[in-house]
């Protein structure tokens, strides 16, 4: 007896159901970035998100279990792109002194997360204090950034560019300072040039990794 043929995928208007669903999800992610990043998370109801994305509430819940889930999904996209940008910056500056590597990495990170005011507001303002679940999500990302910073500091030690010490606390302090600085910058209306913000973060990052008088970059 011949094997039963599998049912073909349903296609409407030249697009499969999976394609249409992916498109709806993309529109919701974009609507979330726009509304959370302009009007703010508390002011962005599911109904407003659905209207902006031109989807039904049923479609919304097919993709996300809650507004929090949408917020975390957008935050993941922003931070994952920032991780990739920082990794690329480090790779491109592989042979350079740690001070130069830090500058490349900070510029990549801030440009990725804060050059678009919507991303800055979402990543540094709206993600804070939403709920225990969102806070756990945010802190998990902080742990990953701490690990990356400590790894870079240990690389500098191995290359004779910094002195060995415990870098974890300094990394946590740096992340907190960066968050507060960009929060301030965004809530003050981005009046300070982004290059000034980057320069200040680079100074703090160098202070965390390099002991004064040790491992200075060649002049």
Protein backbone atom coordinates (compact mmCIF):
# COMPACT_ATOMS: atom_id res chain seq x y z
CA UNK A 1 0.00 0.00 0.00
CA UNK A 2 1.56 3.34 -0.98
CA UNK A 3 2.56 5.66 1.79
CA UNK A 4 0.11 8.41 2.54
CA UNK A 5 1.26 11.73 1.16
CA UNK A 6 1.74 14.52 3.64
CA UNK A 7 -0.66 17.42 3.40
CA UNK A 8 0.77 20.39 1.50
CA UNK A 9 1.35 23.60 3.40
CA UNK A 10 -1.51 26.02 2.99
CA UNK A 11 -0.55 29.02 0.95
CA UNK A 12 -2.65 32.17 0.66
CA UNK A 13 -1.72 35.07 -1.57
CA UNK A 14 1.61 33.45 -2.33
CA UNK A 15 2.61 33.27 1.36
CA UNK A 16 2.52 30.29 3.71
CA UNK A 17 0.93 30.40 7.15
CA UNK A 18 4.43 30.38 8.67
CA UNK A 19 5.43 33.36 6.54
CA UNK A 20 2.35 35.32 7.55
CA UNK A 21 2.91 34.50 11.21
CA UNK A 22 6.54 35.60 11.01
CA UNK A 23 5.42 38.84 9.39
CA UNK A 24 2.88 39.46 12.17
CA UNK A 25 5.52 38.79 14.80
CA UNK A 26 7.86 41.23 13.09
CA UNK A 27 5.17 43.91 13.05
CA UNK A 28 4.51 43.38 16.77
CA UNK A 29 8.21 43.67 17.57
CA UNK A 30 8.43 46.90 15.58
CA UNK A 31 5.25 48.27 17.17
CA UNK A 32 6.62 47.41 20.61
CA UNK A 33 9.90 49.18 19.93
CA UNK A 34 8.05 52.25 18.67
CA UNK A 35 5.50 52.47 21.50
CA UNK A 36 7.68 51.31 24.40
CA UNK A 37 10.47 53.50 23.07
CA UNK A 38 8.37 56.64 22.71
CA UNK A 39 5.23 56.56 24.85
CA UNK A 40 6.70 54.13 27.40
CA UNK A 41 5.82 50.64 28.58
CA UNK A 42 3.03 51.57 31.07
CA UNK A 43 1.21 53.65 28.43
CA UNK A 44 1.38 50.95 25.74
CA UNK A 45 -1.57 48.62 26.13
CA UNK A 46 -1.96 45.42 24.19
CA UNK A 47 -4.80 47.06 22.27
CA UNK A 48 -2.53 49.95 21.22
CA UNK A 49 0.23 47.55 20.25
CA UNK A 50 -2.16 45.50 18.15
CA UNK A 51 -3.55 48.59 16.44
CA UNK A 52 -0.03 49.80 15.62
CA UNK A 53 0.92 46.38 14.26
CA UNK A 54 -2.39 45.85 12.43
CA UNK A 55 -3.00 42.52 14.14
CA UNK A 56 -5.78 41.15 16.33
CA UNK A 57 -5.41 40.49 20.04
CA UNK A 58 -5.73 36.78 19.22
CA UNK A 59 -2.74 37.14 16.90
CA UNK A 60 -0.85 38.91 19.69
CA UNK A 61 -1.36 36.04 22.13
CA UNK A 62 -0.34 33.54 19.47
CA UNK A 63 3.10 35.18 19.52
CA UNK A 64 3.56 36.54 23.04
CA UNK A 65 2.08 35.48 26.35
CA UNK A 66 2.02 39.05 27.67
CA UNK A 67 3.29 42.60 27.18
CA UNK A 68 6.23 41.62 29.39
CA UNK A 69 7.11 38.82 26.99
CA UNK A 70 7.08 41.28 24.08
CA UNK A 71 9.25 43.74 26.03
CA UNK A 72 11.79 41.03 26.84
CA UNK A 73 11.82 39.79 23.24
CA UNK A 74 12.61 43.29 21.95
CA UNK A 75 15.24 43.79 24.65
CA UNK A 76 16.81 40.47 23.64
CA UNK A 77 17.03 41.65 20.03
CA UNK A 78 18.70 44.91 21.06
CA UNK A 79 21.20 43.32 23.43
CA UNK A 80 22.01 40.38 21.17
CA UNK A 81 22.87 42.85 18.41
CA UNK A 82 25.01 44.78 20.91
CA UNK A 83 26.87 41.61 21.94
CA UNK A 84 27.58 40.89 18.27
CA UNK A 85 28.74 44.47 17.68
CA UNK A 86 31.08 44.37 20.68
CA UNK A 87 32.49 40.98 19.63
CA UNK A 88 33.15 42.37 16.14
CA UNK A 89 34.83 45.46 17.61
CA UNK A 90 37.12 43.33 19.75
CA UNK A 91 37.95 41.06 16.81
CA UNK A 92 38.78 44.01 14.55
CA UNK A 93 41.07 45.46 17.25
CA UNK A 94 42.62 42.12 18.13
CA UNK A 95 46.25 43.30 18.02
CA UNK A 96 45.64 46.68 19.62
CA UNK A 97 46.30 47.71 23.23
CA UNK A 98 43.46 47.17 25.69
CA UNK A 99 42.81 50.92 25.92
CA UNK A 100 42.09 51.07 22.20
CA UNK A 101 40.06 47.85 22.32
CA UNK A 102 37.91 49.32 25.08
CA UNK A 103 37.21 52.44 23.05
CA UNK A 104 36.18 50.41 19.99
CA UNK A 105 33.95 48.15 22.09
CA UNK A 106 32.26 50.97 24.01
CA UNK A 107 31.53 52.88 20.81
CA UNK A 108 30.03 49.74 19.27
CA UNK A 109 27.89 49.07 22.35
CA UNK A 110 26.56 52.59 22.80
CA UNK A 111 25.93 53.08 19.09
CA UNK A 112 23.97 49.83 18.97
CA UNK A 113 21.90 50.38 22.11
CA UNK A 114 21.50 54.13 22.30
CA UNK A 115 21.97 55.87 18.94
CA UNK A 116 18.29 55.12 18.24
CA UNK A 117 16.41 56.98 21.03
CA UNK A 118 13.73 54.27 21.06
CA UNK A 119 16.32 51.60 21.81
CA UNK A 120 17.88 53.77 24.50
CA UNK A 121 14.56 54.40 26.22
CA UNK A 122 13.61 50.73 26.09
CA UNK A 123 17.01 49.41 27.20
CA UNK A 124 17.84 51.92 29.92
CA UNK A 125 14.48 53.24 31.14
CA UNK A 126 11.49 51.04 30.34
CA UNK A 127 13.15 47.72 31.18
CA UNK A 128 13.78 48.80 34.79
CA UNK A 129 11.46 47.66 37.60
CA UNK A 130 8.67 46.23 35.43
CA UNK A 131 8.25 42.95 37.30
CA UNK A 132 10.30 40.19 38.96
CA UNK A 133 10.36 38.25 35.68
CA UNK A 134 11.65 41.21 33.66
CA UNK A 135 14.16 42.06 36.38
CA UNK A 136 15.49 38.50 36.33
CA UNK A 137 15.80 38.79 32.56
CA UNK A 138 17.71 42.07 32.86
CA UNK A 139 20.05 40.70 35.54
CA UNK A 140 20.80 37.63 33.45
CA UNK A 141 22.04 39.93 30.70
CA UNK A 142 24.07 41.88 33.26
CA UNK A 143 25.80 38.63 34.26
CA UNK A 144 26.77 37.99 30.64
CA UNK A 145 28.21 41.48 30.29
CA UNK A 146 30.19 41.05 33.51
CA UNK A 147 31.65 37.82 32.14
CA UNK A 148 32.66 39.56 28.90
CA UNK A 149 34.31 42.44 30.76
CA UNK A 150 36.19 40.14 33.12
CA UNK A 151 37.40 38.06 30.16
CA UNK A 152 38.71 41.20 28.45
CA UNK A 153 40.45 42.31 31.65
CA UNK A 154 42.12 38.91 32.04
CA UNK A 155 43.25 39.09 28.43
CA UNK A 156 44.88 42.42 29.20
CA UNK A 157 46.63 40.89 32.22
CA UNK A 158 47.96 38.03 30.08
CA UNK A 159 49.34 40.56 27.58
CA UNK A 160 51.02 42.62 30.31
CA UNK A 161 48.62 45.55 29.82
CA UNK A 162 46.99 45.36 33.27
CA UNK A 163 47.71 43.95 36.72
CA UNK A 164 45.98 40.87 38.08
CA UNK A 165 43.17 41.53 40.54
CA UNK A 166 39.52 40.67 41.11
CA UNK A 167 37.67 42.38 38.27
CA UNK A 168 34.10 41.22 38.92
CA UNK A 169 33.05 43.98 41.31
CA UNK A 170 34.50 46.65 39.07
CA UNK A 171 32.62 45.19 36.10
CA UNK A 172 29.32 45.31 37.99
CA UNK A 173 30.04 48.90 39.05
CA UNK A 174 30.87 49.88 35.47
CA UNK A 175 27.64 48.40 34.13
CA UNK A 176 25.65 50.26 36.77
CA UNK A 177 27.42 53.50 35.93
CA UNK A 178 26.81 53.03 32.21
CA UNK A 179 23.12 52.34 32.79
CA UNK A 180 22.72 55.43 34.98
CA UNK A 181 24.66 57.63 32.58
CA UNK A 182 22.68 56.59 29.52
CA UNK A 183 19.44 56.77 31.54
CA UNK A 184 20.31 60.36 32.46
CA UNK A 185 21.32 61.17 28.89
CA UNK A 186 18.07 59.79 27.47
CA UNK A 187 15.74 61.37 30.04
CA UNK A 188 17.49 64.74 29.57
CA UNK A 189 16.51 64.69 25.91
CA UNK A 190 19.85 63.58 24.38
CA UNK A 191 21.22 67.12 24.66
CA UNK A 192 24.76 65.89 25.30
CA UNK A 193 26.54 64.69 22.13
CA UNK A 194 26.77 60.90 22.02
CA UNK A 195 30.54 61.14 21.51
CA UNK A 196 30.82 62.82 24.93
CA UNK A 197 28.82 60.01 26.51
CA UNK A 198 31.05 57.41 24.86
CA UNK A 199 34.22 59.23 26.00
CA UNK A 200 33.03 59.26 29.60
CA UNK A 201 32.23 55.53 29.54
CA UNK A 202 35.63 54.78 28.00
CA UNK A 203 37.32 56.64 30.88
CA UNK A 204 35.39 54.60 33.43
CA UNK A 205 36.07 51.30 31.64
CA UNK A 206 39.79 52.00 31.50
CA UNK A 207 39.78 52.78 35.23
CA UNK A 208 38.17 49.40 35.96
CA UNK A 209 40.66 47.37 33.92
CA UNK A 210 43.94 49.26 34.14
CA UNK A 211 45.67 49.95 37.44
CA UNK A 212 47.07 53.52 37.43
CA UNK A 213 50.67 53.46 36.23
CA UNK A 214 50.50 49.86 35.01
CA UNK A 215 50.36 48.61 31.45
CA UNK A 216 50.00 52.00 29.84
CA UNK A 217 49.58 52.10 26.10
CA UNK A 218 52.75 53.03 24.20
CA UNK A 219 52.83 56.69 23.20
